[in-house]
C-alpha atoms as a PDB file:
ATOM      1  CA  MET A   1       4.205 -12.142  -2.982  1.00  0.00           C
ATOM      2  CA  ARG A   2       3.786  -8.910  -1.448  1.00  0.00           C
ATOM      3  CA  ARG A   3       4.228  -5.588  -3.581  1.00  0.00           C
ATOM      4  CA  GLU A   4       6.041  -2.831  -1.949  1.00  0.00           C
ATOM      5  CA  PRO A   5       3.874   0.245  -2.242  1.00  0.00           C
ATOM      6  CA  ARG A   6       4.949   2.854  -4.704  1.00  0.00           C
ATOM      7  CA  PRO A   7       6.705   5.775  -3.407  1.00  0.00           C
ATOM      8  CA  LEU A   8       4.364   9.320  -3.484  1.00  0.00           C
ATOM      9  CA  THR A   9       4.864  11.665  -6.421  1.00  0.00           C
ATOM     10  CA  ALA A  10       6.654  15.201  -5.508  1.00  0.00           C
ATOM     11  CA  ARG A  11       3.187  16.471  -6.254  1.00  0.00           C
ATOM     12  CA  GLN A  12       1.319  14.279  -3.848  1.00  0.00           C
ATOM     13  CA  GLU A  13       4.132  15.901  -1.069  1.00  0.00           C
ATOM     14  CA  ALA A  14       3.357  18.994  -2.183  1.00  0.00           C
ATOM     15  CA  VAL A  15      -0.310  18.669  -2.082  1.00  0.00           C
ATOM     16  CA  LEU A  16       0.135  17.041   1.522  1.00  0.00           C
ATOM     17  CA  ALA A  17       2.485  19.593   3.035  1.00  0.00           C
ATOM     18  CA  VAL A  18      -0.333  21.850   1.807  1.00  0.00           C
ATOM     19  CA  ILE A  19      -2.986  20.249   3.886  1.00  0.00           C
ATOM     20  CA  ARG A  20       0.091  19.845   6.760  1.00  0.00           C
ATOM     21  CA  SER A  21       0.276  23.687   6.994  1.00  0.00           C
ATOM     22  CA  SER A  22      -3.279  24.704   6.400  1.00  0.00           C
ATOM     23  CA  LEU A  23      -4.423  22.061   9.751  1.00  0.00           C
ATOM     24  CA  ALA A  24      -1.436  23.589  11.704  1.00  0.00           C
ATOM     25  CA  GLU A  25      -2.044  27.298  10.791  1.00  0.00           C
ATOM     26  CA  ARG A  26      -6.021  27.235  10.713  1.00  0.00           C
ATOM     27  CA  GLY A  27      -7.256  23.799  12.267  1.00  0.00           C
ATOM     28  CA  HIS A  28      -8.700  22.789   8.944  1.00  0.00           C
ATOM     29  CA  GLY A  29      -7.617  21.312   5.495  1.00  0.00           C
ATOM     30  CA  PRO A  30      -7.311  23.961   2.668  1.00  0.00           C
ATOM     31  CA  THR A  31      -9.886  24.027  -0.077  1.00  0.00           C
ATOM     32  CA  VAL A  32      -9.098  22.555  -3.738  1.00  0.00           C
ATOM     33  CA  ARG A  33      -8.722  25.708  -5.325  1.00  0.00           C
ATOM     34  CA  GLU A  34      -6.307  26.928  -2.241  1.00  0.00           C
ATOM     35  CA  ILE A  35      -4.265  23.435  -2.441  1.00  0.00           C
ATOM     36  CA  GLY A  36      -4.379  23.576  -6.808  1.00  0.00           C
ATOM     37  CA  ALA A  37      -3.056  27.501  -6.478  1.00  0.00           C
ATOM     38  CA  ARG A  38       0.030  26.543  -3.818  1.00  0.00           C
ATOM     39  CA  VAL A  39       1.206  23.245  -6.119  1.00  0.00           C
ATOM     40  CA  GLY A  40       0.523  24.407  -9.457  1.00  0.00           C
ATOM     41  CA  LEU A  41      -2.566  22.840 -10.943  1.00  0.00           C
ATOM     42  CA  SER A  42      -5.319  25.175 -12.557  1.00  0.00           C
ATOM     43  CA  SER A  43      -7.456  22.369 -12.835  1.00  0.00           C
ATOM     44  CA  THR A  44      -9.857  21.340  -9.832  1.00  0.00           C
ATOM     45  CA  SER A  45     -10.247  17.933 -11.787  1.00  0.00           C
ATOM     46  CA  SER A  46      -6.384  17.756 -11.089  1.00  0.00           C
ATOM     47  CA  VAL A  47      -6.503  18.429  -7.683  1.00  0.00           C
ATOM     48  CA  ALA A  48      -9.195  16.176  -6.884  1.00  0.00           C
ATOM     49  CA  HIS A  49      -7.348  13.204  -8.780  1.00  0.00           C
ATOM     50  CA  GLN A  50      -4.584  14.068  -6.548  1.00  0.00           C
ATOM     51  CA  LEU A  51      -6.452  14.184  -3.231  1.00  0.00           C
ATOM     52  CA  GLY A  52      -8.276  11.017  -4.320  1.00  0.00           C
ATOM     53  CA  ARG A  53      -5.273   8.966  -4.537  1.00  0.00           C
ATOM     54  CA  LEU A  54      -3.775  10.054  -1.540  1.00  0.00           C
ATOM     55  CA  GLU A  55      -6.876   9.524   0.347  1.00  0.00           C
ATOM     56  CA  ALA A  56      -7.308   5.913  -1.523  1.00  0.00           C
ATOM     57  CA  ARG A  57      -3.624   5.127  -0.274  1.00  0.00           C
ATOM     58  CA  GLY A  58      -4.785   5.648   3.476  1.00  0.00           C
ATOM     59  CA  LEU A  59      -2.785   9.077   4.279  1.00  0.00           C
ATOM     60  CA  ILE A  60      -5.590  11.369   4.246  1.00  0.00           C
ATOM     61  CA  VAL A  61      -9.378  10.943   5.041  1.00  0.00           C
ATOM     62  CA  ARG A  62     -12.345  13.165   5.032  1.00  0.00           C
ATOM     63  CA  THR A  63     -14.712  13.894   7.468  1.00  0.00           C
ATOM     64  CA  GLY A  64     -17.659  15.440   5.755  1.00  0.00           C
ATOM     65  CA  ARG A  65     -18.346  15.683   1.798  1.00  0.00           C
ATOM     66  CA  ASP A  66     -15.649  18.782   0.819  1.00  0.00           C
ATOM     67  CA  TRP A  67     -12.113  17.808   0.330  1.00  0.00           C
ATOM     68  CA  SER A  68     -11.677  20.483   3.044  1.00  0.00           C
ATOM     69  CA  THR A  69     -12.818  18.263   5.735  1.00  0.00           C
ATOM     70  CA  CYS A  70      -9.731  16.030   4.775  1.00  0.00           C
ATOM     71  CA  VAL A  71      -6.895  15.143   7.819  1.00  0.00           C
ATOM     72  CA  LEU A  72      -4.290  13.406   7.913  1.00  0.00           C
ATOM     73  CA  VAL A  73      -3.911   9.588   8.805  1.00  0.00           C
ATOM     74  CA  GLU A  74      -1.599   9.427  11.420  1.00  0.00           C
ATOM     75  CA  GLU A  75       1.157   6.225  10.319  1.00  0.00           C
ATOM     76  CA  PRO A  76       0.291   2.905  11.182  1.00  0.00           C
ATOM     77  CA  PRO A  77       2.619   1.538  13.891  1.00  0.00           C
ATOM     78  CA  ALA A  78       5.074  -0.627  12.218  1.00  0.00           C
ATOM     79  CA  ARG A  79       4.469  -4.470  12.604  1.00  0.00           C
ATOM     80  CA  ARG A  80       7.101  -6.874  12.692  1.00  0.00           C
ATOM     81  CA  PRO A  81       6.974  -9.872  10.958  1.00  0.00           C
ATOM     82  CA  GLY A  82       5.944 -13.037  11.249  1.00  0.00           C
ATOM     83  CA  LEU A  83       3.659 -11.747  14.122  1.00  0.00           C
ATOM     84  CA  ARG A  84      -0.169 -11.388  13.715  1.00  0.00           C
ATOM     85  CA  SER A  85      -2.181  -9.846  16.167  1.00  0.00           C
ATOM     86  CA  ARG A  86      -5.706 -11.380  16.956  1.00  0.00           C
ATOM     87  CA  GLY A  87      -7.584  -7.648  17.752  1.00  0.00           C
ATOM     88  CA  PRO A  88      -8.066  -6.378  21.092  1.00  0.00           C
ATOM     89  CA  GLY A  89      -7.680  -8.488  23.987  1.00  0.00           C
ATOM     90  CA  GLY A  90      -5.860 -10.739  21.839  1.00  0.00           C
ATOM     91  CA  GLY A  91      -8.827 -12.912  21.534  1.00  0.00           C
ATOM     92  CA  ALA A  92      -9.286 -12.974  25.630  1.00  0.00           C
ATOM     93  CA  ASP A  93     -12.432 -11.580  26.920  1.00  0.00           C
ATOM     94  CA  ARG A  94     -12.080  -8.308  29.413  1.00  0.00           C
ATOM     95  CA  TYR A  95     -11.552 -11.367  32.277  1.00  0.00           C
ATOM     96  CA  GLY A  96      -8.590 -12.680  30.477  1.00  0.00           C
ATOM     97  CA  ARG A  97     -10.210 -16.156  29.634  1.00  0.00           C
ATOM     98  CA  ARG A  98     -10.282 -17.468  26.230  1.00  0.00           C
ATOM     99  CA  PRO A  99     -13.579 -18.846  24.177  1.00  0.00           C
ATOM    100  CA  THR A 100     -13.943 -22.331  23.950  1.00  0.00           C
ATOM    101  CA  PRO A 101     -14.516 -23.582  20.743  1.00  0.00           C
END
C-alpha cells in the first residue's frame, strides 16, 4: 500500500517561492539568511531544516556545498499506472535488438 506524499506546508511553499524568485532575478539561489529574512525565520538552523526537508522530498538539489547553490528540480512526468519502464531503449540495445538470456 502506497502512502500519498504529504502536501507542502505553508512555510515550505514560501521557501520555494523565495528560491524560485532568486533564481529568476539573480541566476543563483538565496543565502540561508536571505531566505530567513523573507519568510520570517530568525534562526538559520530553522531555515536549514526547511531546506533539508525540501531536498529530502526531491524538490531542490544543491550543486555545491552551500545552500545558495540550490536549484529547483523539475517535476517528473506523470506516470501512467500499470506501465513499467525498462530504462533507456526499453531493454534493447542501440540497434533495437533485445539481449538474449
